[in-house]
Amino acid sequence: MSSPAVFLDRDGVLNEERGFVTDVADFVVQQGVAAALERLGQRGYRRVVVTNQSGVGRGLISLGSLERIHCALREETGGIDALYFCPHHPDAAHGSFRTACACRKPESGMLIRAALDHDLDLAASWMIGDAPRDIVAGQRVGCRTICVTGPKMPSSDAWPEDSPRPEVFVPDLSAAVDYILGA
């Protein structure tokens, strides 16, 4: 039987938004994230990170440094079932990463791959992000969507008129989990 999932953008949802985080010393998990992820797990949701990391393709961060950051994320939260990242960007400095791929959000490739890898029920799942590209990626595969406000999206008033709106805007991951578990 397929499981429901909560897909989570990384920067601005799980950790503090600081532009391109290139060193584990600059990676700061937001307060309340570990407890929020634990609550989701207790209710049977798979917790899957889906994150654009074009800094790899742009030569700003190595794959090894990115892996160290993701190890720190897993250790500090204790509640991530899977993690997918897209290193591609159409303007990437490194040719192997210079592509218009199907995994870079707003495309839904990472969500589809996770659903296939882990037998996830996309229609029973959620996408939590902090930018229109996250919401579009989730909606394209039938997920319900939540936007966490912050530096990229200070309020619902700042939402671009030409982008599909999420179901709800919340201040942080804890509020998103409250909404999901109350739905």
C-alpha atoms as a PDB file:
ATOM      1  CA  MET A   1       0.000   0.000   0.000  1.00  0.00           C
ATOM      2  CA  SER A   2       1.302   3.436  -0.933  1.00  0.00           C
ATOM      3  CA  SER A   3       2.256   5.884   1.802  1.00  0.00           C
ATOM      4  CA  PRO A   4       1.487   9.590   2.004  1.00  0.00           C
ATOM      5  CA  ALA A   5       4.462  11.930   2.038  1.00  0.00           C
ATOM      6  CA  VAL A   6       5.331  15.468   2.904  1.00  0.00           C
ATOM      7  CA  PHE A   7       7.789  16.856   0.389  1.00  0.00           C
ATOM      8  CA  LEU A   8       9.927  19.621   1.841  1.00  0.00           C
ATOM      9  CA  ASP A   9      12.018  22.279   0.189  1.00  0.00           C
ATOM     10  CA  ARG A  10      15.282  22.741   2.094  1.00  0.00           C
ATOM     11  CA  ASP A  11      16.412  26.376   2.188  1.00  0.00           C
ATOM     12  CA  GLY A  12      13.897  28.622   3.925  1.00  0.00           C
ATOM     13  CA  VAL A  13      11.744  25.717   5.149  1.00  0.00           C
ATOM     14  CA  LEU A  14      14.121  23.434   7.053  1.00  0.00           C
ATOM     15  CA  ASN A  15      17.117  25.719   7.446  1.00  0.00           C
ATOM     16  CA  GLU A  16      17.603  29.459   7.600  1.00  0.00           C
ATOM     17  CA  GLU A  17      17.592  31.115   4.194  1.00  0.00           C
ATOM     18  CA  ARG A  18      21.116  32.427   3.600  1.00  0.00           C
ATOM     19  CA  GLY A  19      21.479  32.346  -0.168  1.00  0.00           C
ATOM     20  CA  PHE A  20      23.894  29.668  -1.348  1.00  0.00           C
ATOM     21  CA  VAL A  21      24.973  27.727   1.745  1.00  0.00           C
ATOM     22  CA  THR A  22      28.376  26.330   0.781  1.00  0.00           C
ATOM     23  CA  ASP A  23      29.773  25.209   4.134  1.00  0.00           C
ATOM     24  CA  VAL A  24      28.263  23.104   6.897  1.00  0.00           C
ATOM     25  CA  ALA A  25      29.312  25.806   9.404  1.00  0.00           C
ATOM     26  CA  ASP A  26      26.817  28.184   7.741  1.00  0.00           C
ATOM     27  CA  PHE A  27      23.976  25.655   7.745  1.00  0.00           C
ATOM     28  CA  VAL A  28      21.480  26.419  10.532  1.00  0.00           C
ATOM     29  CA  VAL A  29      18.361  24.273  10.996  1.00  0.00           C
ATOM     30  CA  GLN A  30      15.376  26.393  11.970  1.00  0.00           C
ATOM     31  CA  GLN A  31      13.928  26.087  15.444  1.00  0.00           C
ATOM     32  CA  GLY A  32      11.128  23.534  15.767  1.00  0.00           C
ATOM     33  CA  VAL A  33      11.984  21.597  12.603  1.00  0.00           C
ATOM     34  CA  ALA A  34      13.018  18.344  14.323  1.00  0.00           C
ATOM     35  CA  ALA A  35       9.835  18.255  16.413  1.00  0.00           C
ATOM     36  CA  ALA A  36       7.662  19.042  13.381  1.00  0.00           C
ATOM     37  CA  LEU A  37       9.266  16.247  11.351  1.00  0.00           C
ATOM     38  CA  GLU A  38       8.817  13.827  14.235  1.00  0.00           C
ATOM     39  CA  ARG A  39       5.100  14.653  14.409  1.00  0.00           C
ATOM     40  CA  LEU A  40       4.718  13.920  10.698  1.00  0.00           C
ATOM     41  CA  GLY A  41       6.494  10.584  11.068  1.00  0.00           C
ATOM     42  CA  GLN A  42       4.297   9.601  14.003  1.00  0.00           C
ATOM     43  CA  ARG A  43       1.245  10.141  11.792  1.00  0.00           C
ATOM     44  CA  GLY A  44       2.588   7.938   9.005  1.00  0.00           C
ATOM     45  CA  TYR A  45       3.910  10.560   6.609  1.00  0.00           C
ATOM     46  CA  ARG A  46       7.180   9.905   4.789  1.00  0.00           C
ATOM     47  CA  ARG A  47       9.381  13.007   5.008  1.00  0.00           C
ATOM     48  CA  VAL A  48      11.143  13.702   1.721  1.00  0.00           C
ATOM     49  CA  VAL A  49      13.421  16.668   1.015  1.00  0.00           C
ATOM     50  CA  VAL A  50      13.382  17.911  -2.600  1.00  0.00           C
ATOM     51  CA  THR A  51      15.819  20.759  -3.145  1.00  0.00           C
ATOM     52  CA  ASN A  52      17.299  22.673  -6.059  1.00  0.00           C
ATOM     53  CA  GLN A  53      21.041  22.985  -5.473  1.00  0.00           C
ATOM     54  CA  SER A  54      22.318  24.737  -8.580  1.00  0.00           C
ATOM     55  CA  GLY A  55      25.347  25.919  -6.592  1.00  0.00           C
ATOM     56  CA  VAL A  56      26.888  22.572  -7.537  1.00  0.00           C
ATOM     57  CA  GLY A  57      26.509  23.227 -11.247  1.00  0.00           C
ATOM     58  CA  ARG A  58      27.599  26.826 -10.858  1.00  0.00           C
ATOM     59  CA  GLY A  59      30.803  25.736  -9.140  1.00  0.00           C
ATOM     60  CA  LEU A  60      29.922  27.363  -5.807  1.00  0.00           C
ATOM     61  CA  ILE A  61      29.861  24.124  -3.805  1.00  0.00           C
ATOM     62  CA  SER A  62      31.284  20.647  -4.336  1.00  0.00           C
ATOM     63  CA  LEU A  63      29.184  17.501  -4.181  1.00  0.00           C
ATOM     64  CA  GLY A  64      31.223  16.500  -1.103  1.00  0.00           C
ATOM     65  CA  SER A  65      30.386  19.735   0.725  1.00  0.00           C
ATOM     66  CA  LEU A  66      26.727  19.377  -0.219  1.00  0.00           C
ATOM     67  CA  GLU A  67      26.724  15.821   1.161  1.00  0.00           C
ATOM     68  CA  ARG A  68      28.244  17.069   4.451  1.00  0.00           C
ATOM     69  CA  ILE A  69      25.461  19.655   4.711  1.00  0.00           C
ATOM     70  CA  HIS A  70      22.826  16.999   4.039  1.00  0.00           C
ATOM     71  CA  CYS A  71      24.404  14.690   6.647  1.00  0.00           C
ATOM     72  CA  ALA A  72      24.192  17.547   9.160  1.00  0.00           C
ATOM     73  CA  LEU A  73      20.543  18.094   8.218  1.00  0.00           C
ATOM     74  CA  ARG A  74      19.750  14.426   8.811  1.00  0.00           C
ATOM     75  CA  GLU A  75      21.642  14.368  12.126  1.00  0.00           C
ATOM     76  CA  GLU A  76      20.083  17.566  13.466  1.00  0.00           C
ATOM     77  CA  THR A  77      16.524  16.675  12.520  1.00  0.00           C
ATOM     78  CA  GLY A  78      16.478  12.893  12.838  1.00  0.00           C
ATOM     79  CA  GLY A  79      13.342  12.787  10.726  1.00  0.00           C
ATOM     80  CA  ILE A  80      14.160  12.666   7.038  1.00  0.00           C
ATOM     81  CA  ASP A  81      13.228   9.514   5.162  1.00  0.00           C
ATOM     82  CA  ALA A  82      14.724  10.519   1.806  1.00  0.00           C
ATOM     83  CA  LEU A  83      16.524  13.431   0.202  1.00  0.00           C
ATOM     84  CA  TYR A  84      16.682  14.368  -3.478  1.00  0.00           C
ATOM     85  CA  PHE A  85      18.560  17.300  -4.960  1.00  0.00           C
ATOM     86  CA  CYS A  86      18.941  18.797  -8.399  1.00  0.00           C
ATOM     87  CA  PRO A  87      22.434  20.148  -9.191  1.00  0.00           C
ATOM     88  CA  HIS A  88      21.436  21.373 -12.658  1.00  0.00           C
ATOM     89  CA  HIS A  89      20.913  24.865 -14.017  1.00  0.00           C
ATOM     90  CA  PRO A  90      20.623  26.122 -17.607  1.00  0.00           C
ATOM     91  CA  ASP A  91      23.499  28.567 -16.910  1.00  0.00           C
ATOM     92  CA  ALA A  92      25.719  26.162 -14.944  1.00  0.00           C
ATOM     93  CA  ALA A  93      29.467  26.638 -15.251  1.00  0.00           C
ATOM     94  CA  HIS A  94      30.092  22.900 -15.510  1.00  0.00           C
ATOM     95  CA  GLY A  95      28.860  21.378 -18.764  1.00  0.00           C
ATOM     96  CA  SER A  96      27.540  18.169 -17.209  1.00  0.00           C
ATOM     97  CA  PHE A  97      25.209  20.239 -15.016  1.00  0.00           C
ATOM     98  CA  ARG A  98      24.204  22.745 -17.743  1.00  0.00           C
ATOM     99  CA  THR A  99      20.820  21.452 -18.795  1.00  0.00           C
ATOM    100  CA  ALA A 100      17.122  22.127 -18.687  1.00  0.00           C
ATOM    101  CA  CYS A 101      16.301  18.956 -16.741  1.00  0.00           C
ATOM    102  CA  ALA A 102      13.102  17.373 -15.481  1.00  0.00           C
ATOM    103  CA  CYS A 103      14.227  17.432 -11.847  1.00  0.00           C
ATOM    104  CA  ARG A 104      14.795  21.160 -11.227  1.00  0.00           C
ATOM    105  CA  LYS A 105      11.698  22.661  -9.626  1.00  0.00           C
ATOM    106  CA  PRO A 106       9.217  23.846 -10.880  1.00  0.00           C
ATOM    107  CA  GLU A 107       9.525  20.568 -12.773  1.00  0.00           C
ATOM    108  CA  SER A 108       8.341  17.602 -10.725  1.00  0.00           C
ATOM    109  CA  GLY A 109      11.036  15.040 -11.464  1.00  0.00           C
ATOM    110  CA  MET A 110      12.318  14.778  -7.891  1.00  0.00           C
ATOM    111  CA  LEU A 111       8.807  14.177  -6.543  1.00  0.00           C
ATOM    112  CA  ILE A 112       8.065  11.586  -9.204  1.00  0.00           C
ATOM    113  CA  ARG A 113      11.388   9.797  -8.568  1.00  0.00           C
ATOM    114  CA  ALA A 114      10.697   9.738  -4.812  1.00  0.00           C
ATOM    115  CA  ALA A 115       7.182   8.392  -5.384  1.00  0.00           C
ATOM    116  CA  LEU A 116       8.566   5.571  -7.523  1.00  0.00           C
ATOM    117  CA  ASP A 117      11.463   4.812  -5.172  1.00  0.00           C
ATOM    118  CA  HIS A 118       9.354   4.753  -2.000  1.00  0.00           C
ATOM    119  CA  ASP A 119       5.848   3.792  -3.184  1.00  0.00           C
ATOM    120  CA  LEU A 120       4.328   7.160  -2.271  1.00  0.00           C
ATOM    121  CA  ASP A 121       0.735   8.217  -2.887  1.00  0.00           C
ATOM    122  CA  LEU A 122       1.113  11.648  -4.500  1.00  0.00           C
ATOM    123  CA  ALA A 123      -2.613  12.439  -4.250  1.00  0.00           C
ATOM    124  CA  ALA A 124      -2.428  11.950  -0.464  1.00  0.00           C
ATOM    125  CA  SER A 125       0.788  13.964  -0.162  1.00  0.00           C
ATOM    126  CA  TRP A 126       1.797  17.564   0.498  1.00  0.00           C
ATOM    127  CA  MET A 127       4.507  19.883  -0.817  1.00  0.00           C
ATOM    128  CA  ILE A 128       5.855  22.539   1.563  1.00  0.00           C
ATOM    129  CA  GLY A 129       8.020  25.258   0.067  1.00  0.00           C
ATOM    130  CA  ASP A 130       8.807  28.937   0.219  1.00  0.00           C
ATOM    131  CA  ALA A 131       8.671  29.895  -3.462  1.00  0.00           C
ATOM    132  CA  PRO A 132       6.286  29.557  -6.419  1.00  0.00           C
ATOM    133  CA  ARG A 133       8.529  26.896  -8.020  1.00  0.00           C
ATOM    134  CA  ASP A 134       7.928  24.599  -5.018  1.00  0.00           C
ATOM    135  CA  ILE A 135       4.172  25.043  -5.178  1.00  0.00           C
ATOM    136  CA  VAL A 136       4.057  24.465  -8.941  1.00  0.00           C
ATOM    137  CA  ALA A 137       6.131  21.273  -8.627  1.00  0.00           C
ATOM    138  CA  GLY A 138       3.747  19.900  -6.009  1.00  0.00           C
ATOM    139  CA  GLN A 139       0.586  20.865  -7.844  1.00  0.00           C
ATOM    140  CA  ARG A 140       1.808  19.302 -11.094  1.00  0.00           C
ATOM    141  CA  VAL A 141       1.728  15.858  -9.469  1.00  0.00           C
ATOM    142  CA  GLY A 142      -1.490  16.358  -7.503  1.00  0.00           C
ATOM    143  CA  CYS A 143      -0.083  17.236  -4.075  1.00  0.00           C
ATOM    144  CA  ARG A 144      -1.713  19.749  -1.785  1.00  0.00           C
ATOM    145  CA  THR A 145       0.603  22.695  -1.197  1.00  0.00           C
ATOM    146  CA  ILE A 146       1.703  25.015   1.605  1.00  0.00           C
ATOM    147  CA  CYS A 147       3.944  28.078   1.400  1.00  0.00           C
ATOM    148  CA  VAL A 148       6.180  29.033   4.331  1.00  0.00           C
ATOM    149  CA  THR A 149       6.619  32.789   4.404  1.00  0.00           C
ATOM    150  CA  GLY A 150      10.062  34.271   4.919  1.00  0.00           C
ATOM    151  CA  PRO A 151      12.784  36.145   3.025  1.00  0.00           C
ATOM    152  CA  LYS A 152      11.742  34.793  -0.408  1.00  0.00           C
ATOM    153  CA  MET A 153       8.015  35.224   0.221  1.00  0.00           C
ATOM    154  CA  PRO A 154       7.340  37.704   3.049  1.00  0.00           C
ATOM    155  CA  SER A 155       3.538  37.400   2.836  1.00  0.00           C
ATOM    156  CA  SER A 156       0.701  36.120   0.701  1.00  0.00           C
ATOM    157  CA  ASP A 157       0.442  39.653  -0.738  1.00  0.00           C
ATOM    158  CA  ALA A 158       3.869  39.184  -2.358  1.00  0.00           C
ATOM    159  CA  TRP A 159       2.751  36.086  -4.283  1.00  0.00           C
ATOM    160  CA  PRO A 160       3.101  36.561  -8.070  1.00  0.00           C
ATOM    161  CA  GLU A 161      -0.285  36.933  -9.742  1.00  0.00           C
ATOM    162  CA  ASP A 162       0.712  34.617 -12.588  1.00  0.00           C
ATOM    163  CA  SER A 163       1.618  31.700 -10.283  1.00  0.00           C
ATOM    164  CA  PRO A 164      -0.791  29.103  -8.895  1.00  0.00           C
ATOM    165  CA  ARG A 165      -1.445  29.843  -5.236  1.00  0.00           C
ATOM    166  CA  PRO A 166      -0.807  27.344  -2.454  1.00  0.00           C
ATOM    167  CA  GLU A 167      -3.643  26.141  -0.282  1.00  0.00           C
ATOM    168  CA  VAL A 168      -2.352  28.162   2.669  1.00  0.00           C
ATOM    169  CA  PHE A 169       0.485  30.452   3.774  1.00  0.00           C
ATOM    170  CA  VAL A 170       2.091  29.760   7.166  1.00  0.00           C
ATOM    171  CA  PRO A 171       4.991  31.319   9.110  1.00  0.00           C
ATOM    172  CA  ASP A 172       7.051  28.140   9.628  1.00  0.00           C
ATOM    173  CA  LEU A 173       7.200  24.363   9.342  1.00  0.00           C
ATOM    174  CA  SER A 174       5.517  23.819  12.712  1.00  0.00           C
ATOM    175  CA  ALA A 175       2.460  25.756  11.525  1.00  0.00           C
ATOM    176  CA  ALA A 176       2.466  23.788   8.262  1.00  0.00           C
ATOM    177  CA  VAL A 177       2.441  20.516  10.200  1.00  0.00           C
ATOM    178  CA  ASP A 178      -0.388  21.814  12.399  1.00  0.00           C
ATOM    179  CA  TYR A 179      -2.352  22.526   9.225  1.00  0.00           C
ATOM    180  CA  ILE A 180      -1.638  19.123   7.670  1.00  0.00           C
ATOM    181  CA  LEU A 181      -2.508  17.174  10.794  1.00  0.00           C
ATOM    182  CA  GLY A 182      -5.687  19.201  11.247  1.00  0.00           C
ATOM    183  CA  ALA A 183      -6.807  18.734   7.629  1.00  0.00           C
END
